[in-house]
Amino acid sequence: MVKSARAAAPWVVGAAVVIVLVYAGYKAYEQYQEDKNRQEKENDFKIKVEALLSRLDSIR
């Protein structure tokens, strides 16, 4: 029993490391997507504001 536990220990540690790395990668990608979406919304807002200001300038 002790031999099998010792033999399995490196595999368990390796699996835990892989799981942590995959989770960290997922969280980083999720943050990247949130930042990208926020940037797109900001750009859309800026375009709309610039269009509105342009319209107001043309009315004068």
PDB file of N, CA and C in Angstrom:
ATOM      1  N   MET A   1       0.829  -1.189   0.000  1.00  0.00           N
ATOM      2  CA  MET A   1       0.000   0.000   0.000  1.00  0.00           C
ATOM      3  C   MET A   1       0.870   1.249   0.000  1.00  0.00           C
ATOM      4  N   VAL A   2       1.925   1.253   0.801  1.00  0.00           N
ATOM      5  CA  VAL A   2       2.791   2.424   0.884  1.00  0.00           C
ATOM      6  C   VAL A   2       3.525   2.640  -0.430  1.00  0.00           C
ATOM      7  N   LYS A   3       3.951   1.541  -1.078  1.00  0.00           N
ATOM      8  CA  LYS A   3       4.656   1.667  -2.351  1.00  0.00           C
ATOM      9  C   LYS A   3       3.748   2.265  -3.415  1.00  0.00           C
ATOM     10  N   SER A   4       2.502   1.831  -3.451  1.00  0.00           N
ATOM     11  CA  SER A   4       1.594   2.360  -4.474  1.00  0.00           C
ATOM     12  C   SER A   4       1.264   3.826  -4.212  1.00  0.00           C
ATOM     13  N   ALA A   5       1.192   4.205  -2.937  1.00  0.00           N
ATOM     14  CA  ALA A   5       0.931   5.610  -2.606  1.00  0.00           C
ATOM     15  C   ALA A   5       2.121   6.471  -3.009  1.00  0.00           C
ATOM     16  N   ARG A   6       3.319   5.981  -2.772  1.00  0.00           N
ATOM     17  CA  ARG A   6       4.520   6.728  -3.165  1.00  0.00           C
ATOM     18  C   ARG A   6       4.636   6.815  -4.679  1.00  0.00           C
ATOM     19  N   ALA A   7       4.240   5.773  -5.361  1.00  0.00           N
ATOM     20  CA  ALA A   7       4.305   5.777  -6.819  1.00  0.00           C
ATOM     21  C   ALA A   7       3.261   6.719  -7.409  1.00  0.00           C
ATOM     22  N   ALA A   8       2.143   6.854  -6.741  1.00  0.00           N
ATOM     23  CA  ALA A   8       1.067   7.706  -7.250  1.00  0.00           C
ATOM     24  C   ALA A   8       1.283   9.175  -6.911  1.00  0.00           C
ATOM     25  N   ALA A   9       2.084   9.460  -5.908  1.00  0.00           N
ATOM     26  CA  ALA A   9       2.266  10.843  -5.458  1.00  0.00           C
ATOM     27  C   ALA A   9       2.735  11.781  -6.573  1.00  0.00           C
ATOM     28  N   PRO A  10       3.748  11.427  -7.359  1.00  0.00           N
ATOM     29  CA  PRO A  10       4.162  12.342  -8.438  1.00  0.00           C
ATOM     30  C   PRO A  10       3.052  12.580  -9.467  1.00  0.00           C
ATOM     31  N   TRP A  11       2.273  11.549  -9.730  1.00  0.00           N
ATOM     32  CA  TRP A  11       1.173  11.704 -10.685  1.00  0.00           C
ATOM     33  C   TRP A  11       0.107  12.654 -10.138  1.00  0.00           C
ATOM     34  N   VAL A  12      -0.164  12.532  -8.858  1.00  0.00           N
ATOM     35  CA  VAL A  12      -1.165  13.403  -8.233  1.00  0.00           C
ATOM     36  C   VAL A  12      -0.679  14.848  -8.241  1.00  0.00           C
ATOM     37  N   VAL A  13       0.579  15.050  -7.896  1.00  0.00           N
ATOM     38  CA  VAL A  13       1.142  16.405  -7.900  1.00  0.00           C
ATOM     39  C   VAL A  13       1.138  16.966  -9.320  1.00  0.00           C
ATOM     40  N   GLY A  14       1.523  16.159 -10.277  1.00  0.00           N
ATOM     41  CA  GLY A  14       1.527  16.597 -11.674  1.00  0.00           C
ATOM     42  C   GLY A  14       0.137  16.961 -12.156  1.00  0.00           C
ATOM     43  N   ALA A  15      -0.840  16.151 -11.807  1.00  0.00           N
ATOM     44  CA  ALA A  15      -2.222  16.433 -12.202  1.00  0.00           C
ATOM     45  C   ALA A  15      -2.715  17.717 -11.548  1.00  0.00           C
ATOM     46  N   ALA A  16      -2.353  17.920 -10.295  1.00  0.00           N
ATOM     47  CA  ALA A  16      -2.770  19.143  -9.599  1.00  0.00           C
ATOM     48  C   ALA A  16      -2.149  20.373 -10.258  1.00  0.00           C
ATOM     49  N   VAL A  17      -0.893  20.278 -10.645  1.00  0.00           N
ATOM     50  CA  VAL A  17      -0.223  21.398 -11.317  1.00  0.00           C
ATOM     51  C   VAL A  17      -0.904  21.698 -12.646  1.00  0.00           C
ATOM     52  N   VAL A  18      -1.217  20.666 -13.401  1.00  0.00           N
ATOM     53  CA  VAL A  18      -1.896  20.857 -14.687  1.00  0.00           C
ATOM     54  C   VAL A  18      -3.257  21.504 -14.476  1.00  0.00           C
ATOM     55  N   ILE A  19      -3.995  21.045 -13.495  1.00  0.00           N
ATOM     56  CA  ILE A  19      -5.322  21.614 -13.219  1.00  0.00           C
ATOM     57  C   ILE A  19      -5.202  23.089 -12.854  1.00  0.00           C
ATOM     58  N   VAL A  20      -4.233  23.425 -12.011  1.00  0.00           N
ATOM     59  CA  VAL A  20      -4.041  24.823 -11.607  1.00  0.00           C
ATOM     60  C   VAL A  20      -3.660  25.676 -12.814  1.00  0.00           C
ATOM     61  N   LEU A  21      -2.783  25.178 -13.668  1.00  0.00           N
ATOM     62  CA  LEU A  21      -2.375  25.939 -14.848  1.00  0.00           C
ATOM     63  C   LEU A  21      -3.531  26.136 -15.825  1.00  0.00           C
ATOM     64  N   VAL A  22      -4.331  25.108 -16.019  1.00  0.00           N
ATOM     65  CA  VAL A  22      -5.492  25.234 -16.905  1.00  0.00           C
ATOM     66  C   VAL A  22      -6.473  26.246 -16.334  1.00  0.00           C
ATOM     67  N   TYR A  23      -6.718  26.198 -15.046  1.00  0.00           N
ATOM     68  CA  TYR A  23      -7.633  27.145 -14.406  1.00  0.00           C
ATOM     69  C   TYR A  23      -7.102  28.575 -14.519  1.00  0.00           C
ATOM     70  N   ALA A  24      -5.810  28.756 -14.292  1.00  0.00           N
ATOM     71  CA  ALA A  24      -5.209  30.090 -14.405  1.00  0.00           C
ATOM     72  C   ALA A  24      -5.314  30.600 -15.838  1.00  0.00           C
ATOM     73  N   GLY A  25      -5.095  29.730 -16.804  1.00  0.00           N
ATOM     74  CA  GLY A  25      -5.238  30.116 -18.206  1.00  0.00           C
ATOM     75  C   GLY A  25      -6.658  30.501 -18.538  1.00  0.00           C
ATOM     76  N   TYR A  26      -7.606  29.748 -18.018  1.00  0.00           N
ATOM     77  CA  TYR A  26      -9.023  30.051 -18.243  1.00  0.00           C
ATOM     78  C   TYR A  26      -9.379  31.410 -17.661  1.00  0.00           C
ATOM     79  N   LYS A  27      -8.927  31.678 -16.438  1.00  0.00           N
ATOM     80  CA  LYS A  27      -9.224  32.959 -15.799  1.00  0.00           C
ATOM     81  C   LYS A  27      -8.568  34.113 -16.564  1.00  0.00           C
ATOM     82  N   ALA A  28      -7.351  33.912 -17.048  1.00  0.00           N
ATOM     83  CA  ALA A  28      -6.671  34.953 -17.820  1.00  0.00           C
ATOM     84  C   ALA A  28      -7.427  35.224 -19.120  1.00  0.00           C
ATOM     85  N   TYR A  29      -7.892  34.173 -19.784  1.00  0.00           N
ATOM     86  CA  TYR A  29      -8.661  34.340 -21.019  1.00  0.00           C
ATOM     87  C   TYR A  29      -9.985  35.039 -20.739  1.00  0.00           C
ATOM     88  N   GLU A  30     -10.624  34.684 -19.647  1.00  0.00           N
ATOM     89  CA  GLU A  30     -11.887  35.317 -19.261  1.00  0.00           C
ATOM     90  C   GLU A  30     -11.674  36.818 -19.025  1.00  0.00           C
ATOM     91  N   GLN A  31     -10.590  37.178 -18.354  1.00  0.00           N
ATOM     92  CA  GLN A  31     -10.272  38.589 -18.115  1.00  0.00           C
ATOM     93  C   GLN A  31      -9.992  39.302 -19.435  1.00  0.00           C
ATOM     94  N   TYR A  32      -9.275  38.623 -20.333  1.00  0.00           N
ATOM     95  CA  TYR A  32      -8.979  39.199 -21.647  1.00  0.00           C
ATOM     96  C   TYR A  32     -10.271  39.490 -22.408  1.00  0.00           C
ATOM     97  N   GLN A  33     -11.217  38.559 -22.367  1.00  0.00           N
ATOM     98  CA  GLN A  33     -12.494  38.756 -23.060  1.00  0.00           C
ATOM     99  C   GLN A  33     -13.267  39.917 -22.446  1.00  0.00           C
ATOM    100  N   GLU A  34     -13.269  40.027 -21.129  1.00  0.00           N
ATOM    101  CA  GLU A  34     -13.958  41.136 -20.463  1.00  0.00           C
ATOM    102  C   GLU A  34     -13.336  42.472 -20.856  1.00  0.00           C
ATOM    103  N   ASP A  35     -12.009  42.529 -20.877  1.00  0.00           N
ATOM    104  CA  ASP A  35     -11.323  43.759 -21.271  1.00  0.00           C
ATOM    105  C   ASP A  35     -11.625  44.113 -22.725  1.00  0.00           C
ATOM    106  N   LYS A  36     -11.636  43.099 -23.571  1.00  0.00           N
ATOM    107  CA  LYS A  36     -11.924  43.309 -24.993  1.00  0.00           C
ATOM    108  C   LYS A  36     -13.347  43.834 -25.180  1.00  0.00           C
ATOM    109  N   ASN A  37     -14.307  43.244 -24.482  1.00  0.00           N
ATOM    110  CA  ASN A  37     -15.697  43.691 -24.582  1.00  0.00           C
ATOM    111  C   ASN A  37     -15.853  45.115 -24.062  1.00  0.00           C
ATOM    112  N   ARG A  38     -15.193  45.429 -22.952  1.00  0.00           N
ATOM    113  CA  ARG A  38     -15.263  46.777 -22.400  1.00  0.00           C
ATOM    114  C   ARG A  38     -14.665  47.783 -23.380  1.00  0.00           C
ATOM    115  N   GLN A  39     -13.551  47.417 -24.006  1.00  0.00           N
ATOM    116  CA  GLN A  39     -12.901  48.307 -24.971  1.00  0.00           C
ATOM    117  C   GLN A  39     -13.807  48.532 -26.182  1.00  0.00           C
ATOM    118  N   GLU A  40     -14.482  47.482 -26.652  1.00  0.00           N
ATOM    119  CA  GLU A  40     -15.401  47.619 -27.782  1.00  0.00           C
ATOM    120  C   GLU A  40     -16.558  48.547 -27.427  1.00  0.00           C
ATOM    121  N   LYS A  41     -17.092  48.403 -26.223  1.00  0.00           N
ATOM    122  CA  LYS A  41     -18.187  49.274 -25.792  1.00  0.00           C
ATOM    123  C   LYS A  41     -17.722  50.724 -25.706  1.00  0.00           C
ATOM    124  N   GLU A  42     -16.520  50.935 -25.176  1.00  0.00           N
ATOM    125  CA  GLU A  42     -15.980  52.293 -25.090  1.00  0.00           C
ATOM    126  C   GLU A  42     -15.795  52.891 -26.479  1.00  0.00           C
ATOM    127  N   ASN A  43     -15.289  52.090 -27.413  1.00  0.00           N
ATOM    128  CA  ASN A  43     -15.087  52.579 -28.774  1.00  0.00           C
ATOM    129  C   ASN A  43     -16.415  52.919 -29.433  1.00  0.00           C
ATOM    130  N   ASP A  44     -17.422  52.071 -29.248  1.00  0.00           N
ATOM    131  CA  ASP A  44     -18.747  52.352 -29.804  1.00  0.00           C
ATOM    132  C   ASP A  44     -19.307  53.642 -29.222  1.00  0.00           C
ATOM    133  N   PHE A  45     -19.134  53.827 -27.926  1.00  0.00           N
ATOM    134  CA  PHE A  45     -19.622  55.038 -27.267  1.00  0.00           C
ATOM    135  C   PHE A  45     -18.912  56.272 -27.823  1.00  0.00           C
ATOM    136  N   LYS A  46     -17.587  56.173 -27.994  1.00  0.00           N
ATOM    137  CA  LYS A  46     -16.822  57.300 -28.534  1.00  0.00           C
ATOM    138  C   LYS A  46     -17.288  57.646 -29.943  1.00  0.00           C
ATOM    139  N   ILE A  47     -17.541  56.639 -30.759  1.00  0.00           N
ATOM    140  CA  ILE A  47     -18.008  56.872 -32.128  1.00  0.00           C
ATOM    141  C   ILE A  47     -19.357  57.576 -32.109  1.00  0.00           C
ATOM    142  N   LYS A  48     -20.247  57.129 -31.240  1.00  0.00           N
ATOM    143  CA  LYS A  48     -21.571  57.752 -31.151  1.00  0.00           C
ATOM    144  C   LYS A  48     -21.472  59.194 -30.667  1.00  0.00           C
ATOM    145  N   VAL A  49     -20.622  59.453 -29.692  1.00  0.00           N
ATOM    146  CA  VAL A  49     -20.454  60.814 -29.184  1.00  0.00           C
ATOM    147  C   VAL A  49     -19.865  61.708 -30.271  1.00  0.00           C
ATOM    148  N   GLU A  50     -18.869  61.213 -30.990  1.00  0.00           N
ATOM    149  CA  GLU A  50     -18.266  62.001 -32.063  1.00  0.00           C
ATOM    150  C   GLU A  50     -19.277  62.290 -33.166  1.00  0.00           C
ATOM    151  N   ALA A  51     -20.112  61.313 -33.490  1.00  0.00           N
ATOM    152  CA  ALA A  51     -21.147  61.526 -34.503  1.00  0.00           C
ATOM    153  C   ALA A  51     -22.148  62.571 -34.030  1.00  0.00           C
ATOM    154  N   LEU A  52     -22.533  62.494 -32.778  1.00  0.00           N
ATOM    155  CA  LEU A  52     -23.473  63.472 -32.228  1.00  0.00           C
ATOM    156  C   LEU A  52     -22.866  64.874 -32.232  1.00  0.00           C
ATOM    157  N   LEU A  53     -21.618  64.995 -31.825  1.00  0.00           N
ATOM    158  CA  LEU A  53     -20.953  66.299 -31.834  1.00  0.00           C
ATOM    159  C   LEU A  53     -20.819  66.839 -33.255  1.00  0.00           C
ATOM    160  N   SER A  54     -20.536  65.960 -34.179  1.00  0.00           N
ATOM    161  CA  SER A  54     -20.437  66.373 -35.574  1.00  0.00           C
ATOM    162  C   SER A  54     -21.776  66.892 -36.079  1.00  0.00           C
ATOM    163  N   ARG A  55     -22.843  66.210 -35.721  1.00  0.00           N
ATOM    164  CA  ARG A  55     -24.186  66.657 -36.108  1.00  0.00           C
ATOM    165  C   ARG A  55     -24.505  68.012 -35.506  1.00  0.00           C
ATOM    166  N   LEU A  56     -24.163  68.181 -34.238  1.00  0.00           N
ATOM    167  CA  LEU A  56     -24.425  69.457 -33.573  1.00  0.00           C
ATOM    168  C   LEU A  56     -23.619  70.587 -34.216  1.00  0.00           C
ATOM    169  N   ASP A  57     -22.386  70.293 -34.612  1.00  0.00           N
ATOM    170  CA  ASP A  57     -21.565  71.305 -35.276  1.00  0.00           C
ATOM    171  C   ASP A  57     -22.143  71.677 -36.636  1.00  0.00           C
ATOM    172  N   SER A  58     -22.700  70.704 -37.338  1.00  0.00           N
ATOM    173  CA  SER A  58     -23.252  70.986 -38.664  1.00  0.00           C
ATOM    174  C   SER A  58     -24.556  71.771 -38.575  1.00  0.00           C
ATOM    175  N   ILE A  59     -25.248  71.687 -37.444  1.00  0.00           N
ATOM    176  CA  ILE A  59     -26.505  72.417 -37.266  1.00  0.00           C
ATOM    177  C   ILE A  59     -26.223  73.909 -37.085  1.00  0.00           C
ATOM    178  N   ARG A  60     -25.117  74.240 -36.453  1.00  0.00           N
ATOM    179  CA  ARG A  60     -24.805  75.644 -36.166  1.00  0.00           C
ATOM    180  C   ARG A  60     -24.618  76.426 -37.390  1.00  0.00           C
TER     181      ARG A  60
END
